[in-house]
């Protein structure tokens, strides 16, 4: 992205010194804007990909499937938290 912006600045300076036509500046600006659009698309994809993954793994976003407040704050039973030794052989 920085290289595209540098390219645009150089083309603008060359236009101001009458070395390049304005068409070259427009081409450089198009390059910068295309890079910004790609960057924005990647940000949107980065945000939406986890949602698509959860949906693909049969995860639902229905509120009725979420645990209630009492289920989250309820203390687990001792039997559920006890660690039993494994048989070695």
PDB file of N, CA and C in Angstrom:
ATOM      1  N   UNK A   1       0.829  -1.192   0.000  1.00  0.00           N
ATOM      2  CA  UNK A   1       0.000   0.000   0.000  1.00  0.00           C
ATOM      3  C   UNK A   1       0.869   1.250   0.000  1.00  0.00           C
ATOM      4  N   UNK A   2       1.920   1.235   0.793  1.00  0.00           N
ATOM      5  CA  UNK A   2       2.805   2.400   0.849  1.00  0.00           C
ATOM      6  C   UNK A   2       3.490   2.650  -0.485  1.00  0.00           C
ATOM      7  N   UNK A   3       3.838   1.589  -1.196  1.00  0.00           N
ATOM      8  CA  UNK A   3       4.490   1.763  -2.486  1.00  0.00           C
ATOM      9  C   UNK A   3       3.542   2.408  -3.496  1.00  0.00           C
ATOM     10  N   UNK A   4       2.264   2.064  -3.418  1.00  0.00           N
ATOM     11  CA  UNK A   4       1.284   2.679  -4.318  1.00  0.00           C
ATOM     12  C   UNK A   4       1.125   4.160  -4.002  1.00  0.00           C
ATOM     13  N   UNK A   5       1.130   4.504  -2.725  1.00  0.00           N
ATOM     14  CA  UNK A   5       1.021   5.918  -2.345  1.00  0.00           C
ATOM     15  C   UNK A   5       2.269   6.698  -2.755  1.00  0.00           C
ATOM     16  N   UNK A   6       3.428   6.072  -2.626  1.00  0.00           N
ATOM     17  CA  UNK A   6       4.670   6.713  -3.070  1.00  0.00           C
ATOM     18  C   UNK A   6       4.640   6.928  -4.575  1.00  0.00           C
ATOM     19  N   UNK A   7       4.176   5.928  -5.294  1.00  0.00           N
ATOM     20  CA  UNK A   7       4.031   6.026  -6.743  1.00  0.00           C
ATOM     21  C   UNK A   7       3.112   7.192  -7.119  1.00  0.00           C
ATOM     22  N   UNK A   8       2.000   7.311  -6.406  1.00  0.00           N
ATOM     23  CA  UNK A   8       1.066   8.411  -6.675  1.00  0.00           C
ATOM     24  C   UNK A   8       1.710   9.769  -6.408  1.00  0.00           C
ATOM     25  N   UNK A   9       2.437   9.887  -5.302  1.00  0.00           N
ATOM     26  CA  UNK A   9       3.096  11.160  -4.978  1.00  0.00           C
ATOM     27  C   UNK A   9       4.129  11.535  -6.033  1.00  0.00           C
ATOM     28  N   UNK A  10       4.887  10.538  -6.481  1.00  0.00           N
ATOM     29  CA  UNK A  10       5.886  10.815  -7.521  1.00  0.00           C
ATOM     30  C   UNK A  10       5.231  11.256  -8.826  1.00  0.00           C
ATOM     31  N   UNK A  11       4.167  10.597  -9.195  1.00  0.00           N
ATOM     32  CA  UNK A  11       3.461  10.971 -10.425  1.00  0.00           C
ATOM     33  C   UNK A  11       2.858  12.373 -10.310  1.00  0.00           C
ATOM     34  N   UNK A  12       2.331  12.698  -9.125  1.00  0.00           N
ATOM     35  CA  UNK A  12       1.762  14.040  -8.921  1.00  0.00           C
ATOM     36  C   UNK A  12       2.856  15.104  -9.011  1.00  0.00           C
ATOM     37  N   UNK A  13       4.017  14.822  -8.435  1.00  0.00           N
ATOM     38  CA  UNK A  13       5.127  15.772  -8.518  1.00  0.00           C
ATOM     39  C   UNK A  13       5.626  15.923  -9.954  1.00  0.00           C
ATOM     40  N   UNK A  14       5.678  14.824 -10.674  1.00  0.00           N
ATOM     41  CA  UNK A  14       6.096  14.891 -12.074  1.00  0.00           C
ATOM     42  C   UNK A  14       5.092  15.673 -12.908  1.00  0.00           C
ATOM     43  N   UNK A  15       3.809  15.565 -12.565  1.00  0.00           N
ATOM     44  CA  UNK A  15       2.796  16.344 -13.276  1.00  0.00           C
ATOM     45  C   UNK A  15       2.961  17.833 -12.980  1.00  0.00           C
ATOM     46  N   UNK A  16       3.219  18.146 -11.714  1.00  0.00           N
ATOM     47  CA  UNK A  16       3.379  19.556 -11.327  1.00  0.00           C
ATOM     48  C   UNK A  16       4.596  20.196 -12.001  1.00  0.00           C
ATOM     49  N   UNK A  17       5.607  19.410 -12.325  1.00  0.00           N
ATOM     50  CA  UNK A  17       6.791  19.943 -13.014  1.00  0.00           C
ATOM     51  C   UNK A  17       6.684  19.789 -14.527  1.00  0.00           C
ATOM     52  N   UNK A  18       5.495  19.434 -15.013  1.00  0.00           N
ATOM     53  CA  UNK A  18       5.181  19.311 -16.445  1.00  0.00           C
ATOM     54  C   UNK A  18       5.980  18.217 -17.149  1.00  0.00           C
ATOM     55  N   UNK A  19       6.350  17.177 -16.408  1.00  0.00           N
ATOM     56  CA  UNK A  19       7.054  16.050 -17.010  1.00  0.00           C
ATOM     57  C   UNK A  19       6.047  15.015 -17.506  1.00  0.00           C
ATOM     58  N   UNK A  20       5.009  14.768 -16.737  1.00  0.00           N
ATOM     59  CA  UNK A  20       4.003  13.756 -17.064  1.00  0.00           C
ATOM     60  C   UNK A  20       2.661  14.412 -17.348  1.00  0.00           C
ATOM     61  N   UNK A  21       1.836  13.752 -18.182  1.00  0.00           N
ATOM     62  CA  UNK A  21       0.459  14.234 -18.338  1.00  0.00           C
ATOM     63  C   UNK A  21      -0.376  13.839 -17.123  1.00  0.00           C
ATOM     64  N   UNK A  22      -1.527  14.461 -16.992  1.00  0.00           N
ATOM     65  CA  UNK A  22      -2.390  14.184 -15.848  1.00  0.00           C
ATOM     66  C   UNK A  22      -2.928  12.752 -15.881  1.00  0.00           C
ATOM     67  N   UNK A  23      -2.942  12.171 -17.052  1.00  0.00           N
ATOM     68  CA  UNK A  23      -3.409  10.789 -17.190  1.00  0.00           C
ATOM     69  C   UNK A  23      -2.549   9.830 -16.364  1.00  0.00           C
ATOM     70  N   UNK A  24      -1.264  10.102 -16.252  1.00  0.00           N
ATOM     71  CA  UNK A  24      -0.380   9.272 -15.432  1.00  0.00           C
ATOM     72  C   UNK A  24      -0.744   9.402 -13.956  1.00  0.00           C
ATOM     73  N   UNK A  25      -1.126  10.604 -13.540  1.00  0.00           N
ATOM     74  CA  UNK A  25      -1.544  10.825 -12.153  1.00  0.00           C
ATOM     75  C   UNK A  25      -2.824  10.049 -11.871  1.00  0.00           C
ATOM     76  N   UNK A  26      -3.745  10.071 -12.817  1.00  0.00           N
ATOM     77  CA  UNK A  26      -4.996   9.323 -12.649  1.00  0.00           C
ATOM     78  C   UNK A  26      -4.733   7.823 -12.554  1.00  0.00           C
ATOM     79  N   UNK A  27      -3.799   7.326 -13.341  1.00  0.00           N
ATOM     80  CA  UNK A  27      -3.455   5.910 -13.276  1.00  0.00           C
ATOM     81  C   UNK A  27      -2.872   5.537 -11.916  1.00  0.00           C
ATOM     82  N   UNK A  28      -2.018   6.399 -11.377  1.00  0.00           N
ATOM     83  CA  UNK A  28      -1.436   6.142 -10.057  1.00  0.00           C
ATOM     84  C   UNK A  28      -2.507   6.216  -8.977  1.00  0.00           C
ATOM     85  N   UNK A  29      -3.408   7.166  -9.112  1.00  0.00           N
ATOM     86  CA  UNK A  29      -4.491   7.295  -8.127  1.00  0.00           C
ATOM     87  C   UNK A  29      -5.408   6.080  -8.179  1.00  0.00           C
ATOM     88  N   UNK A  30      -5.643   5.565  -9.366  1.00  0.00           N
ATOM     89  CA  UNK A  30      -6.453   4.353  -9.518  1.00  0.00           C
ATOM     90  C   UNK A  30      -5.780   3.173  -8.817  1.00  0.00           C
ATOM     91  N   UNK A  31      -4.462   3.104  -8.912  1.00  0.00           N
ATOM     92  CA  UNK A  31      -3.717   2.045  -8.234  1.00  0.00           C
ATOM     93  C   UNK A  31      -3.884   2.144  -6.721  1.00  0.00           C
ATOM     94  N   UNK A  32      -3.785   3.357  -6.184  1.00  0.00           N
ATOM     95  CA  UNK A  32      -3.942   3.567  -4.739  1.00  0.00           C
ATOM     96  C   UNK A  32      -5.350   3.196  -4.300  1.00  0.00           C
ATOM     97  N   UNK A  33      -6.349   3.660  -5.038  1.00  0.00           N
ATOM     98  CA  UNK A  33      -7.731   3.373  -4.662  1.00  0.00           C
ATOM     99  C   UNK A  33      -8.050   1.880  -4.774  1.00  0.00           C
ATOM    100  N   UNK A  34      -7.476   1.210  -5.764  1.00  0.00           N
ATOM    101  CA  UNK A  34      -7.664  -0.231  -5.882  1.00  0.00           C
ATOM    102  C   UNK A  34      -7.064  -0.974  -4.699  1.00  0.00           C
ATOM    103  N   UNK A  35      -5.896  -0.524  -4.253  1.00  0.00           N
ATOM    104  CA  UNK A  35      -5.271  -1.125  -3.075  1.00  0.00           C
ATOM    105  C   UNK A  35      -6.087  -0.905  -1.821  1.00  0.00           C
ATOM    106  N   UNK A  36      -6.653   0.284  -1.675  1.00  0.00           N
ATOM    107  CA  UNK A  36      -7.498   0.569  -0.513  1.00  0.00           C
ATOM    108  C   UNK A  36      -8.761  -0.269  -0.532  1.00  0.00           C
ATOM    109  N   UNK A  37      -9.317  -0.450  -1.712  1.00  0.00           N
ATOM    110  CA  UNK A  37     -10.525  -1.277  -1.829  1.00  0.00           C
ATOM    111  C   UNK A  37     -10.219  -2.735  -1.480  1.00  0.00           C
ATOM    112  N   UNK A  38      -9.079  -3.223  -1.935  1.00  0.00           N
ATOM    113  CA  UNK A  38      -8.676  -4.595  -1.602  1.00  0.00           C
ATOM    114  C   UNK A  38      -8.477  -4.742  -0.099  1.00  0.00           C
ATOM    115  N   UNK A  39      -7.841  -3.754   0.510  1.00  0.00           N
ATOM    116  CA  UNK A  39      -7.621  -3.788   1.956  1.00  0.00           C
ATOM    117  C   UNK A  39      -8.945  -3.808   2.715  1.00  0.00           C
ATOM    118  N   UNK A  40      -9.890  -2.994   2.286  1.00  0.00           N
ATOM    119  CA  UNK A  40     -11.209  -2.979   2.934  1.00  0.00           C
ATOM    120  C   UNK A  40     -11.931  -4.309   2.751  1.00  0.00           C
ATOM    121  N   UNK A  41     -11.819  -4.900   1.576  1.00  0.00           N
ATOM    122  CA  UNK A  41     -12.451  -6.203   1.329  1.00  0.00           C
ATOM    123  C   UNK A  41     -11.848  -7.272   2.226  1.00  0.00           C
ATOM    124  N   UNK A  42     -10.534  -7.217   2.431  1.00  0.00           N
ATOM    125  CA  UNK A  42      -9.878  -8.188   3.308  1.00  0.00           C
ATOM    126  C   UNK A  42     -10.307  -8.013   4.761  1.00  0.00           C
ATOM    127  N   UNK A  43     -10.523  -6.757   5.181  1.00  0.00           N
ATOM    128  CA  UNK A  43     -11.006  -6.522   6.547  1.00  0.00           C
ATOM    129  C   UNK A  43     -12.409  -7.096   6.731  1.00  0.00           C
ATOM    130  N   UNK A  44     -13.271  -6.887   5.755  1.00  0.00           N
ATOM    131  CA  UNK A  44     -14.635  -7.422   5.836  1.00  0.00           C
ATOM    132  C   UNK A  44     -14.590  -8.945   5.865  1.00  0.00           C
ATOM    133  N   UNK A  45     -13.740  -9.535   5.036  1.00  0.00           N
ATOM    134  CA  UNK A  45     -13.623 -10.991   5.004  1.00  0.00           C
ATOM    135  C   UNK A  45     -13.083 -11.522   6.326  1.00  0.00           C
ATOM    136  N   UNK A  46     -12.149 -10.802   6.913  1.00  0.00           N
ATOM    137  CA  UNK A  46     -11.581 -11.212   8.198  1.00  0.00           C
ATOM    138  C   UNK A  46     -12.645 -11.198   9.291  1.00  0.00           C
ATOM    139  N   UNK A  47     -13.600 -10.310   9.191  1.00  0.00           N
ATOM    140  CA  UNK A  47     -14.669 -10.221  10.184  1.00  0.00           C
ATOM    141  C   UNK A  47     -15.740 -11.292   9.947  1.00  0.00           C
ATOM    142  N   UNK A  48     -16.052 -11.555   8.695  1.00  0.00           N
ATOM    143  CA  UNK A  48     -17.155 -12.473   8.400  1.00  0.00           C
ATOM    144  C   UNK A  48     -16.739 -13.941   8.345  1.00  0.00           C
ATOM    145  N   UNK A  49     -15.472 -14.238   8.105  1.00  0.00           N
ATOM    146  CA  UNK A  49     -15.043 -15.641   8.003  1.00  0.00           C
ATOM    147  C   UNK A  49     -15.322 -16.461   9.264  1.00  0.00           C
ATOM    148  N   UNK A  50     -15.078 -15.941  10.467  1.00  0.00           N
ATOM    149  CA  UNK A  50     -15.413 -16.749  11.650  1.00  0.00           C
ATOM    150  C   UNK A  50     -16.899 -17.094  11.738  1.00  0.00           C
ATOM    151  N   UNK A  51     -17.747 -16.183  11.316  1.00  0.00           N
ATOM    152  CA  UNK A  51     -19.188 -16.440  11.348  1.00  0.00           C
ATOM    153  C   UNK A  51     -19.541 -17.554  10.363  1.00  0.00           C
ATOM    154  N   UNK A  52     -18.950 -17.498   9.186  1.00  0.00           N
ATOM    155  CA  UNK A  52     -19.194 -18.528   8.176  1.00  0.00           C
ATOM    156  C   UNK A  52     -18.698 -19.883   8.682  1.00  0.00           C
ATOM    157  N   UNK A  53     -17.558 -19.891   9.355  1.00  0.00           N
ATOM    158  CA  UNK A  53     -17.014 -21.132   9.900  1.00  0.00           C
ATOM    159  C   UNK A  53     -17.951 -21.741  10.941  1.00  0.00           C
ATOM    160  N   UNK A  54     -18.460 -20.938  11.845  1.00  0.00           N
ATOM    161  CA  UNK A  54     -19.368 -21.436  12.884  1.00  0.00           C
ATOM    162  C   UNK A  54     -20.643 -21.974  12.252  1.00  0.00           C
ATOM    163  N   UNK A  55     -21.157 -21.268  11.255  1.00  0.00           N
ATOM    164  CA  UNK A  55     -22.359 -21.745  10.576  1.00  0.00           C
ATOM    165  C   UNK A  55     -22.083 -23.053   9.836  1.00  0.00           C
ATOM    166  N   UNK A  56     -20.897 -23.190   9.246  1.00  0.00           N
ATOM    167  CA  UNK A  56     -20.553 -24.402   8.519  1.00  0.00           C
ATOM    168  C   UNK A  56     -20.401 -25.595   9.466  1.00  0.00           C
ATOM    169  N   UNK A  57     -20.036 -25.330  10.701  1.00  0.00           N
ATOM    170  CA  UNK A  57     -19.899 -26.397  11.691  1.00  0.00           C
ATOM    171  C   UNK A  57     -21.212 -26.661  12.418  1.00  0.00           C
ATOM    172  N   UNK A  58     -22.304 -26.242  11.819  1.00  0.00           N
ATOM    173  CA  UNK A  58     -23.661 -26.433  12.329  1.00  0.00           C
ATOM    174  C   UNK A  58     -23.932 -25.635  13.593  1.00  0.00           C
ATOM    175  N   UNK A  59     -23.226 -24.575  13.768  1.00  0.00           N
ATOM    176  CA  UNK A  59     -23.496 -23.703  14.907  1.00  0.00           C
ATOM    177  C   UNK A  59     -24.634 -22.771  14.568  1.00  0.00           C
ATOM    178  N   UNK A  60     -25.482 -22.551  15.516  1.00  0.00           N
ATOM    179  CA  UNK A  60     -26.601 -21.666  15.269  1.00  0.00           C
ATOM    180  C   UNK A  60     -26.431 -20.344  15.981  1.00  0.00           C
ATOM    181  N   UNK A  61     -27.113 -19.380  15.496  1.00  0.00           N
ATOM    182  CA  UNK A  61     -27.079 -18.061  16.127  1.00  0.00           C
ATOM    183  C   UNK A  61     -28.437 -17.746  16.735  1.00  0.00           C
ATOM    184  N   UNK A  62     -29.245 -18.802  16.924  1.00  0.00           N
ATOM    185  CA  UNK A  62     -30.562 -18.603  17.501  1.00  0.00           C
ATOM    186  C   UNK A  62     -30.403 -18.396  19.001  1.00  0.00           C
ATOM    187  N   UNK A  63     -31.013 -17.363  19.509  1.00  0.00           N
ATOM    188  CA  UNK A  63     -30.873 -17.011  20.928  1.00  0.00           C
ATOM    189  C   UNK A  63     -31.402 -18.104  21.845  1.00  0.00           C
ATOM    190  N   UNK A  64     -32.352 -18.881  21.375  1.00  0.00           N
ATOM    191  CA  UNK A  64     -32.921 -19.940  22.211  1.00  0.00           C
ATOM    192  C   UNK A  64     -31.902 -21.059  22.470  1.00  0.00           C
ATOM    193  N   UNK A  65     -30.867 -21.164  21.663  1.00  0.00           N
ATOM    194  CA  UNK A  65     -29.858 -22.200  21.839  1.00  0.00           C
ATOM    195  C   UNK A  65     -28.780 -21.808  22.840  1.00  0.00           C
ATOM    196  N   UNK A  66     -28.729 -20.553  23.229  1.00  0.00           N
ATOM    197  CA  UNK A  66     -27.724 -20.097  24.189  1.00  0.00           C
ATOM    198  C   UNK A  66     -28.117 -20.503  25.602  1.00  0.00           C
ATOM    199  N   UNK A  67     -27.139 -20.739  26.476  1.00  0.00           N
ATOM    200  CA  UNK A  67     -27.477 -21.077  27.859  1.00  0.00           C
ATOM    201  C   UNK A  67     -28.066 -19.866  28.573  1.00  0.00           C
ATOM    202  N   UNK A  68     -28.962 -20.150  29.520  1.00  0.00           N
ATOM    203  CA  UNK A  68     -29.576 -19.080  30.293  1.00  0.00           C
ATOM    204  C   UNK A  68     -28.620 -18.556  31.356  1.00  0.00           C
ATOM    205  N   UNK A  69     -28.987 -17.464  31.989  1.00  0.00           N
ATOM    206  CA  UNK A  69     -28.150 -16.865  33.024  1.00  0.00           C
ATOM    207  C   UNK A  69     -27.944 -17.837  34.173  1.00  0.00           C
ATOM    208  N   UNK A  70     -28.988 -18.547  34.541  1.00  0.00           N
ATOM    209  CA  UNK A  70     -28.874 -19.483  35.661  1.00  0.00           C
ATOM    210  C   UNK A  70     -27.933 -20.632  35.322  1.00  0.00           C
ATOM    211  N   UNK A  71     -27.853 -21.030  34.047  1.00  0.00           N
ATOM    212  CA  UNK A  71     -26.960 -22.113  33.664  1.00  0.00           C
ATOM    213  C   UNK A  71     -25.493 -21.677  33.687  1.00  0.00           C
ATOM    214  N   UNK A  72     -25.241 -20.443  33.357  1.00  0.00           N
ATOM    215  CA  UNK A  72     -23.876 -19.940  33.332  1.00  0.00           C
ATOM    216  C   UNK A  72     -23.371 -19.671  34.744  1.00  0.00           C
ATOM    217  N   UNK A  73     -24.231 -19.156  35.606  1.00  0.00           N
ATOM    218  CA  UNK A  73     -23.801 -18.793  36.951  1.00  0.00           C
ATOM    219  C   UNK A  73     -23.943 -19.938  37.957  1.00  0.00           C
ATOM    220  N   UNK A  74     -24.548 -21.044  37.553  1.00  0.00           N
ATOM    221  CA  UNK A  74     -24.747 -22.180  38.442  1.00  0.00           C
ATOM    222  C   UNK A  74     -23.411 -22.867  38.763  1.00  0.00           C
ATOM    223  N   UNK A  75     -23.199 -23.174  40.026  1.00  0.00           N
ATOM    224  CA  UNK A  75     -21.978 -23.850  40.453  1.00  0.00           C
ATOM    225  C   UNK A  75     -22.054 -25.316  40.041  1.00  0.00           C
ATOM    226  N   UNK A  76     -20.989 -25.843  39.413  1.00  0.00           N
ATOM    227  CA  UNK A  76     -21.032 -27.246  38.980  1.00  0.00           C
ATOM    228  C   UNK A  76     -21.037 -28.201  40.174  1.00  0.00           C
ATOM    229  N   UNK A  77     -21.609 -29.367  39.972  1.00  0.00           N
ATOM    230  CA  UNK A  77     -21.644 -30.386  41.018  1.00  0.00           C
ATOM    231  C   UNK A  77     -20.236 -30.921  41.264  1.00  0.00           C
ATOM    232  N   UNK A  78     -20.008 -31.376  42.511  1.00  0.00           N
ATOM    233  CA  UNK A  78     -18.698 -31.911  42.858  1.00  0.00           C
ATOM    234  C   UNK A  78     -18.345 -33.120  41.996  1.00  0.00           C
ATOM    235  N   UNK A  79     -19.334 -33.911  41.660  1.00  0.00           N
ATOM    236  CA  UNK A  79     -19.092 -35.092  40.836  1.00  0.00           C
ATOM    237  C   UNK A  79     -18.608 -34.706  39.431  1.00  0.00           C
ATOM    238  N   UNK A  80     -19.041 -33.540  38.958  1.00  0.00           N
ATOM    239  CA  UNK A  80     -18.642 -33.088  37.624  1.00  0.00           C
ATOM    240  C   UNK A  80     -17.225 -32.532  37.602  1.00  0.00           C
ATOM    241  N   UNK A  81     -16.692 -32.126  38.749  1.00  0.00           N
ATOM    242  CA  UNK A  81     -15.373 -31.508  38.789  1.00  0.00           C
ATOM    243  C   UNK A  81     -14.305 -32.422  39.382  1.00  0.00           C
ATOM    244  N   UNK A  82     -14.690 -33.586  39.845  1.00  0.00           N
ATOM    245  CA  UNK A  82     -13.739 -34.498  40.478  1.00  0.00           C
ATOM    246  C   UNK A  82     -12.854 -35.128  39.401  1.00  0.00           C
ATOM    247  N   UNK A  83     -11.578 -35.204  39.685  1.00  0.00           N
ATOM    248  CA  UNK A  83     -10.619 -35.827  38.777  1.00  0.00           C
ATOM    249  C   UNK A  83     -10.342 -37.226  39.278  1.00  0.00           C
ATOM    250  N   UNK A  84     -10.600 -38.175  38.437  1.00  0.00           N
ATOM    251  CA  UNK A  84     -10.366 -39.569  38.805  1.00  0.00           C
ATOM    252  C   UNK A  84      -9.061 -40.042  38.189  1.00  0.00           C
ATOM    253  N   UNK A  85      -8.274 -40.808  38.964  1.00  0.00           N
ATOM    254  CA  UNK A  85      -7.016 -41.302  38.407  1.00  0.00           C
ATOM    255  C   UNK A  85      -7.259 -42.302  37.285  1.00  0.00           C
ATOM    256  N   UNK A  86      -6.380 -42.276  36.319  1.00  0.00           N
ATOM    257  CA  UNK A  86      -6.476 -43.223  35.212  1.00  0.00           C
ATOM    258  C   UNK A  86      -5.753 -44.509  35.576  1.00  0.00           C
ATOM    259  N   UNK A  87      -6.251 -45.596  35.078  1.00  0.00           N
ATOM    260  CA  UNK A  87      -5.555 -46.871  35.280  1.00  0.00           C
ATOM    261  C   UNK A  87      -4.318 -46.862  34.388  1.00  0.00           C
ATOM    262  N   UNK A  88      -3.205 -47.224  34.998  1.00  0.00           N
ATOM    263  CA  UNK A  88      -1.954 -47.189  34.238  1.00  0.00           C
ATOM    264  C   UNK A  88      -1.872 -48.334  33.242  1.00  0.00           C
ATOM    265  N   UNK A  89      -2.429 -49.474  33.574  1.00  0.00           N
ATOM    266  CA  UNK A  89      -2.297 -50.636  32.707  1.00  0.00           C
ATOM    267  C   UNK A  89      -3.618 -51.217  32.392  1.00  0.00           C
TER     268      UNK A  89
END
